[in-house]
Amino acid sequence: MASGGKRRRIGVAVIVSAVVIVVGGAIAAFSWSTRVPEVLVPRAGGDAIERPLTPAQQLVADAGDPLACAVSFIGDGAPQEPMLQRQDALYVALPIPAQDGRVFAGWYSTAADAAGGTVAARINGADPVVCVDQQIELFAAWTTPEANAAADVQVPILMYHQFTSNPEGETGWLRGNYAYIGDFEAQMNHIATTGFYLPTWDELSAFIDGRLSLPARSVIITDDDADQSWFDLAVPVIDAHRLLSTSFMITADRQDPAPSMYVLRRSHTHDMHQAGDNGKGRMVNWTADEIAADLNASADVLGAREVIAYPFGHFDDTSKQGVAQAGFEMARTIEPGYVEIGTDKLALPVVRIDYGMGLDSLIKRIG
């Protein structure tokens, strides 16, 4: 009996030891898998020492995407944490820092460009993400409120509608809406090759607030209605010149995906591009709640709420209330003019482009 009891005790001990080894191995494996990744750094003796990943390297490692890019921000007032972007797209939602008594002047590709305010090197959401080893640094620039006000920058928002390949234009009552595509190509080439800056809508909002300075030669390109001629004729020109533009879509009529990474889809309402009871647009016939409901439906389709274009340019205080109630910050009219510091964000003016307005007409309006 003693011999059998001993064998049983030995067997139990072996099993317990095996369990401890297995559990211990599992714990060790778990601990290894949850360690912060490290990189090997060579040293003078030829050996290598391990160093924890930088926040930017960790962000890329966590993304597990060969097109991921970690953007680090450098300079006074810059965010401490890097931001993840994709190399097959334009920059999205770059931060706009705020400091008392200072005005942010943008992100730049080098410290020297930031110090000199080199417009060609200023980076924003109109630029494709380009990284080296899945990382890039952007450098902050600042100016003063006094210098920003003295610059007296006026930003034109260009408004196009339909397009035609006929140099003689189209017939009918909408003839003026059709831009000749040859004129459009010349205008876009001028913008692309003469040093214009293309602000994003969040930059325009910050500019209006006086929180962000914009270059003197800034312009925003927009199209109303997302007509098929926009897709067929204008978008290839936008693509060829790599110009950020905005297409205001009536989402009850069409919900096409963005035809280019350079085209932002924004709201021309869901179903308010129709006449109301008094012959004017629904935007000035409906209640604020009805307007907000329509705009919410449009925003759900487009995935964006920052800006709308009023159908027919019709708007009033109730319209503005409905726009704000739906969570939109800005609205574009058809009233002529330029956006300045302090402009009403719910009544943004435009530079309308009609048939027969060639390159010279554009230059007279935007420089």
Protein backbone atom coordinates (compact mmCIF):
# COMPACT_ATOMS: atom_id res chain seq x y z
CA MET A 1 0.00 0.00 0.00
CA ALA A 2 2.77 2.44 0.89
CA SER A 3 4.44 1.83 -2.46
CA GLY A 4 1.17 2.49 -4.32
CA GLY A 5 0.51 5.66 -2.27
CA LYS A 6 3.94 6.92 -3.08
CA ARG A 7 3.43 6.32 -6.78
CA ARG A 8 0.13 8.21 -6.61
CA ARG A 9 1.81 11.13 -4.82
CA ILE A 10 4.60 11.20 -7.42
CA GLY A 11 2.01 11.13 -10.22
CA VAL A 12 0.05 13.99 -8.67
CA ALA A 13 3.27 15.98 -8.26
CA VAL A 14 4.17 15.40 -11.91
CA ILE A 15 0.69 16.55 -13.05
CA VAL A 16 0.80 19.65 -10.84
CA SER A 17 4.28 20.50 -12.16
CA ALA A 18 3.09 20.10 -15.71
CA VAL A 19 0.10 22.37 -15.07
CA VAL A 20 2.38 24.99 -13.49
CA ILE A 21 4.70 24.82 -16.50
CA VAL A 22 1.81 25.14 -18.98
CA VAL A 23 0.14 27.97 -17.07
CA GLY A 24 3.46 29.70 -16.53
CA GLY A 25 4.24 29.38 -20.23
CA ALA A 26 0.85 30.83 -21.13
CA ILE A 27 1.38 33.76 -18.76
CA ALA A 28 4.81 34.35 -20.21
CA ALA A 29 3.41 34.22 -23.74
CA PHE A 30 0.61 36.63 -22.79
CA SER A 31 3.09 38.99 -21.16
CA TRP A 32 5.26 38.92 -24.30
CA SER A 33 2.29 39.56 -26.58
CA THR A 34 1.19 42.58 -24.56
CA ARG A 35 4.59 44.20 -24.25
CA VAL A 36 5.06 47.58 -25.93
CA PRO A 37 6.81 46.84 -29.26
CA GLU A 38 10.44 47.79 -29.36
CA VAL A 39 12.98 48.60 -32.01
CA LEU A 40 16.59 47.55 -32.17
CA VAL A 41 19.07 50.42 -32.12
CA PRO A 42 22.73 49.71 -33.05
CA ARG A 43 25.47 50.88 -30.68
CA ALA A 44 29.22 51.33 -30.90
CA GLY A 45 30.16 47.77 -29.89
CA GLY A 46 28.19 46.30 -32.75
CA ASP A 47 25.44 44.98 -30.48
CA ALA A 48 21.92 46.34 -30.51
CA ILE A 49 19.82 47.70 -27.68
CA GLU A 50 16.04 47.81 -27.57
CA ARG A 51 14.10 51.07 -27.38
CA PRO A 52 10.32 51.52 -27.04
CA LEU A 53 8.53 52.76 -30.14
CA THR A 54 7.85 56.47 -30.44
CA PRO A 55 4.18 57.51 -30.31
CA ALA A 56 4.19 57.90 -34.09
CA GLN A 57 5.74 54.46 -34.63
CA GLN A 58 3.26 52.95 -32.16
CA LEU A 59 0.34 54.57 -34.02
CA VAL A 60 1.50 53.04 -37.30
CA ALA A 61 2.11 49.66 -35.67
CA ASP A 62 -1.37 49.63 -34.14
CA ALA A 63 -2.94 50.55 -37.47
CA GLY A 64 -1.46 47.52 -39.22
CA ASP A 65 -1.99 49.26 -42.58
CA PRO A 66 0.82 49.78 -45.11
CA LEU A 67 -0.91 53.00 -46.26
CA ALA A 68 -1.17 54.43 -42.74
CA CYS A 69 0.83 57.56 -42.00
CA ALA A 70 1.49 59.03 -38.57
CA VAL A 71 1.56 62.83 -38.67
CA SER A 72 3.53 64.49 -35.86
CA PHE A 73 3.03 68.18 -35.14
CA ILE A 74 6.02 70.35 -34.27
CA GLY A 75 6.20 73.87 -32.84
CA ASP A 76 4.75 76.13 -30.21
CA GLY A 77 1.12 75.27 -29.50
CA ALA A 78 1.21 72.11 -31.61
CA PRO A 79 -0.73 69.03 -30.43
CA GLN A 80 1.43 66.58 -28.51
CA GLU A 81 -0.08 63.42 -29.96
CA PRO A 82 0.40 62.31 -33.58
CA MET A 83 -2.57 61.86 -35.91
CA LEU A 84 -3.23 58.93 -38.24
CA GLN A 85 -3.83 59.69 -41.94
CA ARG A 86 -3.86 57.58 -45.12
CA GLN A 87 -1.44 57.89 -48.01
CA ASP A 88 -4.11 57.26 -50.67
CA ALA A 89 -6.17 60.30 -49.64
CA LEU A 90 -6.07 63.99 -48.82
CA TYR A 91 -5.36 65.19 -45.29
CA VAL A 92 -8.49 65.08 -43.13
CA ALA A 93 -9.33 67.32 -40.16
CA LEU A 94 -5.85 68.69 -39.47
CA PRO A 95 -5.94 70.51 -36.12
CA ILE A 96 -6.25 74.29 -35.92
CA PRO A 97 -4.57 75.21 -32.61
CA ALA A 98 -5.70 78.24 -30.62
CA GLN A 99 -3.68 80.54 -28.36
CA ASP A 100 -4.66 83.79 -26.69
CA GLY A 101 -3.26 86.79 -28.51
CA ARG A 102 -2.09 84.79 -31.52
CA VAL A 103 -3.53 83.65 -34.85
CA PHE A 104 -2.64 80.26 -36.29
CA ALA A 105 -0.98 80.55 -39.70
CA GLY A 106 -1.06 76.93 -40.86
CA TRP A 107 1.03 73.76 -41.11
CA TYR A 108 4.19 73.60 -43.18
CA SER A 109 6.45 70.86 -44.47
CA THR A 110 9.62 72.30 -42.87
CA ALA A 111 10.50 74.60 -40.00
CA ALA A 112 12.04 77.08 -42.45
CA ASP A 113 8.86 77.19 -44.52
CA ALA A 114 6.80 77.75 -41.36
CA ALA A 115 9.07 80.62 -40.31
CA GLY A 116 8.86 82.19 -43.77
CA GLY A 117 5.18 81.50 -44.38
CA THR A 118 5.93 79.81 -47.72
CA VAL A 119 2.47 79.38 -49.24
CA ALA A 120 3.57 76.64 -51.65
CA ALA A 121 4.75 74.58 -48.68
CA ARG A 122 1.62 75.10 -46.56
CA ILE A 123 -0.20 71.80 -45.98
CA ASN A 124 -3.96 71.39 -45.57
CA GLY A 125 -6.87 69.22 -46.62
CA ALA A 126 -6.32 70.08 -50.28
CA ASP A 127 -3.05 68.10 -50.26
CA PRO A 128 -2.47 64.36 -50.68
CA VAL A 129 -0.76 62.63 -47.77
CA VAL A 130 2.84 61.76 -48.69
CA CYS A 131 5.03 60.04 -46.08
CA VAL A 132 8.48 58.53 -45.70
CA ASP A 133 8.50 55.28 -43.71
CA GLN A 134 4.84 55.95 -42.87
CA GLN A 135 5.65 59.13 -40.95
CA ILE A 136 5.73 62.87 -41.55
CA GLU A 137 6.25 65.99 -39.45
CA LEU A 138 4.29 69.21 -39.93
CA PHE A 139 5.49 72.52 -38.48
CA ALA A 140 3.24 75.20 -36.96
CA ALA A 141 3.30 78.88 -37.87
CA TRP A 142 1.70 81.81 -36.06
CA THR A 143 0.98 85.47 -36.65
CA THR A 144 -0.59 88.29 -34.67
CA PRO A 145 -4.23 89.46 -34.72
CA GLU A 146 -3.01 92.87 -35.87
CA ALA A 147 -1.09 91.45 -38.82
CA ASN A 148 -3.99 89.18 -39.69
CA ALA A 149 -6.45 92.08 -39.74
CA ALA A 150 -4.05 94.31 -41.69
CA ALA A 151 -3.70 91.66 -44.41
CA ASP A 152 -7.38 92.27 -45.23
CA VAL A 153 -7.73 88.91 -47.00
CA GLN A 154 -10.91 88.39 -49.03
CA VAL A 155 -11.72 84.81 -50.03
CA PRO A 156 -13.79 84.22 -53.19
CA ILE A 157 -16.11 81.20 -53.30
CA LEU A 158 -16.56 80.35 -56.99
CA MET A 159 -20.02 79.05 -57.92
CA TYR A 160 -20.44 76.92 -61.05
CA HIS A 161 -23.52 75.00 -62.18
CA GLN A 162 -23.68 73.05 -65.45
CA PHE A 163 -21.00 72.59 -68.12
CA THR A 164 -21.02 72.33 -71.89
CA SER A 165 -18.51 71.26 -74.54
CA ASN A 166 -20.19 73.58 -77.05
CA PRO A 167 -18.23 76.84 -77.40
CA GLU A 168 -21.45 78.55 -78.51
CA GLY A 169 -23.15 77.55 -75.27
CA GLU A 170 -26.56 76.01 -74.70
CA THR A 171 -29.99 77.38 -75.54
CA GLY A 172 -32.90 77.94 -73.20
CA TRP A 173 -33.49 79.88 -70.03
CA LEU A 174 -30.64 78.11 -68.21
CA ARG A 175 -28.09 79.13 -70.86
CA GLY A 176 -26.23 81.36 -68.38
CA ASN A 177 -25.70 78.45 -65.99
CA TYR A 178 -23.56 76.50 -68.47
CA ALA A 179 -19.84 77.20 -68.30
CA TYR A 180 -17.94 76.29 -71.45
CA ILE A 181 -15.54 73.52 -70.48
CA GLY A 182 -12.69 75.21 -72.38
CA ASP A 183 -13.12 78.30 -70.20
CA PHE A 184 -13.31 76.11 -67.09
CA GLU A 185 -10.07 74.32 -67.99
CA ALA A 186 -8.27 77.64 -68.50
CA GLN A 187 -9.60 78.95 -65.18
CA MET A 188 -8.57 75.83 -63.25
CA ASN A 189 -5.14 75.88 -64.88
CA HIS A 190 -4.73 79.49 -63.74
CA ILE A 191 -5.63 78.58 -60.15
CA ALA A 192 -3.36 75.53 -60.19
CA THR A 193 -0.29 77.25 -61.62
CA THR A 194 -0.25 80.76 -60.16
CA GLY A 195 0.09 80.08 -56.45
CA PHE A 196 -3.48 79.96 -55.17
CA TYR A 197 -4.25 78.33 -51.81
CA LEU A 198 -7.42 76.23 -51.49
CA PRO A 199 -8.83 76.44 -47.95
CA THR A 200 -10.97 73.70 -46.45
CA TRP A 201 -14.34 74.62 -44.95
CA ASP A 202 -13.07 74.27 -41.38
CA GLU A 203 -10.22 76.63 -42.27
CA LEU A 204 -12.70 79.11 -43.72
CA SER A 205 -14.73 78.97 -40.51
CA ALA A 206 -11.62 79.61 -38.39
CA PHE A 207 -10.62 82.44 -40.74
CA ILE A 208 -14.02 84.10 -40.28
CA ASP A 209 -13.55 83.84 -36.51
CA GLY A 210 -10.12 85.49 -36.75
CA ARG A 211 -8.44 82.32 -35.40
CA LEU A 212 -6.65 81.41 -38.64
CA SER A 213 -4.87 83.49 -41.26
CA LEU A 214 -5.23 82.60 -44.93
CA PRO A 215 -2.94 83.56 -47.82
CA ALA A 216 -4.03 86.57 -49.88
CA ARG A 217 -4.51 84.36 -52.94
CA SER A 218 -7.04 81.92 -51.54
CA VAL A 219 -10.05 80.54 -53.44
CA ILE A 220 -12.78 77.93 -52.91
CA ILE A 221 -14.23 76.09 -55.94
CA THR A 222 -17.86 74.91 -55.76
CA ASP A 223 -20.47 73.40 -58.05
CA ASP A 224 -24.22 73.47 -57.44
CA ASP A 225 -26.63 70.61 -58.21
CA ALA A 226 -24.10 67.86 -59.13
CA ASP A 227 -25.41 67.86 -62.70
CA GLN A 228 -24.22 65.01 -64.91
CA SER A 229 -22.13 67.52 -66.87
CA TRP A 230 -20.18 68.18 -63.67
CA PHE A 231 -19.24 64.50 -63.49
CA ASP A 232 -18.59 64.06 -67.22
CA LEU A 233 -16.80 67.31 -68.10
CA ALA A 234 -15.64 69.21 -65.01
CA VAL A 235 -14.39 66.50 -62.64
CA PRO A 236 -11.71 65.25 -65.09
CA VAL A 237 -10.35 68.82 -65.16
CA ILE A 238 -10.43 69.02 -61.36
CA ASP A 239 -8.62 65.68 -61.18
CA ALA A 240 -5.99 66.65 -63.75
CA HIS A 241 -5.12 69.84 -61.86
CA ARG A 242 -5.53 68.27 -58.40
CA LEU A 243 -7.75 71.06 -57.10
CA LEU A 244 -9.92 70.69 -54.03
CA SER A 245 -13.54 71.41 -54.93
CA THR A 246 -17.00 71.02 -53.41
CA SER A 247 -20.05 69.57 -55.12
CA PHE A 248 -23.34 70.62 -53.49
CA MET A 249 -25.65 67.65 -54.06
CA ILE A 250 -29.45 67.41 -53.91
CA THR A 251 -29.53 64.02 -52.23
CA ALA A 252 -33.15 63.26 -53.12
CA ASP A 253 -32.05 63.37 -56.77
CA ARG A 254 -28.71 61.56 -56.61
CA GLN A 255 -26.37 60.05 -54.07
CA ASP A 256 -23.30 59.21 -56.15
CA PRO A 257 -20.06 58.57 -54.30
CA ALA A 258 -17.39 61.23 -54.61
CA PRO A 259 -16.04 61.00 -58.19
CA SER A 260 -12.55 62.01 -57.08
CA MET A 261 -10.62 62.41 -53.85
CA TYR A 262 -10.44 66.10 -54.78
CA VAL A 263 -14.24 66.47 -54.71
CA LEU A 264 -16.04 67.01 -51.39
CA ARG A 265 -19.75 66.13 -51.35
CA ARG A 266 -21.76 68.67 -49.39
CA SER A 267 -25.47 69.39 -48.99
CA HIS A 268 -27.70 71.30 -51.39
CA THR A 269 -30.51 69.96 -49.14
CA HIS A 270 -32.25 66.62 -49.47
CA ASP A 271 -35.53 67.67 -51.10
CA MET A 272 -35.81 71.45 -50.75
CA HIS A 273 -34.65 72.36 -54.25
CA GLN A 274 -38.29 72.89 -55.20
CA ALA A 275 -40.76 75.75 -55.07
CA GLY A 276 -42.86 76.18 -51.97
CA ASP A 277 -46.40 77.52 -51.60
CA ASN A 278 -45.51 81.11 -52.48
CA GLY A 279 -43.39 80.24 -55.52
CA LYS A 280 -40.12 80.65 -53.66
CA GLY A 281 -37.98 77.81 -52.43
CA ARG A 282 -39.04 75.46 -49.67
CA MET A 283 -36.16 76.86 -47.63
CA VAL A 284 -38.24 80.00 -47.03
CA ASN A 285 -41.59 78.23 -46.76
CA TRP A 286 -40.92 75.49 -44.24
CA THR A 287 -40.53 75.69 -40.47
CA ALA A 288 -37.13 75.43 -38.81
CA ASP A 289 -37.99 71.89 -37.69
CA GLU A 290 -38.91 70.84 -41.24
CA ILE A 291 -35.74 72.39 -42.63
CA ALA A 292 -33.62 70.65 -39.99
CA ALA A 293 -35.26 67.29 -40.73
CA ASP A 294 -34.52 67.63 -44.45
CA LEU A 295 -30.91 68.64 -43.81
CA ASN A 296 -30.44 65.77 -41.38
CA ALA A 297 -31.56 63.36 -44.10
CA SER A 298 -29.04 64.94 -46.49
CA ALA A 299 -26.23 64.83 -43.93
CA ASP A 300 -26.89 61.15 -43.24
CA VAL A 301 -26.33 60.42 -46.93
CA LEU A 302 -23.23 62.59 -47.33
CA GLY A 303 -21.61 61.97 -43.95
CA ALA A 304 -20.85 65.67 -43.49
CA ARG A 305 -22.60 68.61 -41.83
CA GLU A 306 -20.27 71.59 -42.05
CA VAL A 307 -21.79 73.62 -44.92
CA ILE A 308 -24.85 73.75 -47.19
CA ALA A 309 -25.79 75.75 -50.29
CA TYR A 310 -29.24 77.36 -50.16
CA PRO A 311 -31.45 76.21 -53.07
CA PHE A 312 -32.08 79.14 -55.45
CA GLY A 313 -30.17 81.23 -52.90
CA HIS A 314 -33.37 81.73 -50.90
CA PHE A 315 -32.96 82.07 -47.13
CA ASP A 316 -34.26 84.00 -44.14
CA ASP A 317 -33.89 83.90 -40.36
CA THR A 318 -36.02 80.76 -40.11
CA SER A 319 -33.77 79.11 -42.70
CA LYS A 320 -30.71 79.96 -40.65
CA GLN A 321 -32.36 78.56 -37.55
CA GLY A 322 -33.10 75.27 -39.31
CA VAL A 323 -29.55 75.06 -40.68
CA ALA A 324 -28.04 75.58 -37.23
CA GLN A 325 -30.56 73.20 -35.65
CA ALA A 326 -29.38 70.45 -37.99
CA GLY A 327 -25.80 70.97 -36.84
CA PHE A 328 -24.44 72.85 -39.86
CA GLU A 329 -22.03 75.69 -39.17
CA MET A 330 -22.08 77.48 -42.52
CA ALA A 331 -24.38 78.12 -45.46
CA ARG A 332 -23.56 79.54 -48.89
CA THR A 333 -25.86 82.00 -50.66
CA ILE A 334 -25.85 83.33 -54.24
CA GLU A 335 -25.24 86.89 -53.04
CA PRO A 336 -22.15 88.42 -54.69
CA GLY A 337 -19.14 89.17 -52.55
CA TYR A 338 -16.12 87.80 -50.74
CA VAL A 339 -15.65 86.09 -47.37
CA GLU A 340 -13.85 88.24 -44.82
CA ILE A 341 -13.09 88.13 -41.10
CA GLY A 342 -16.47 88.48 -39.41
CA THR A 343 -18.63 87.40 -42.38
CA ASP A 344 -21.98 85.84 -41.40
CA LYS A 345 -21.28 82.10 -41.55
CA LEU A 346 -24.91 81.38 -42.46
CA ALA A 347 -24.84 83.85 -45.37
CA LEU A 348 -21.58 83.25 -47.24
CA PRO A 349 -21.36 85.28 -50.48
CA VAL A 350 -20.11 83.96 -53.84
CA VAL A 351 -18.45 84.82 -57.12
CA ARG A 352 -20.86 83.43 -59.70
CA ILE A 353 -19.43 82.07 -62.96
CA ASP A 354 -21.77 82.23 -65.94
CA TYR A 355 -21.51 81.25 -69.60
CA GLY A 356 -19.15 83.53 -71.51
CA MET A 357 -16.99 84.33 -68.52
CA GLY A 358 -13.53 83.27 -69.64
CA LEU A 359 -10.14 83.45 -67.96
CA ASP A 360 -9.94 87.23 -68.09
CA SER A 361 -13.28 87.52 -66.27
CA LEU A 362 -12.04 85.18 -63.56
CA ILE A 363 -8.77 87.07 -63.13
CA LYS A 364 -10.67 90.34 -62.67
CA ARG A 365 -12.62 88.73 -59.84
CA ILE A 366 -9.96 86.72 -58.01
CA GLY A 367 -6.59 88.03 -59.22
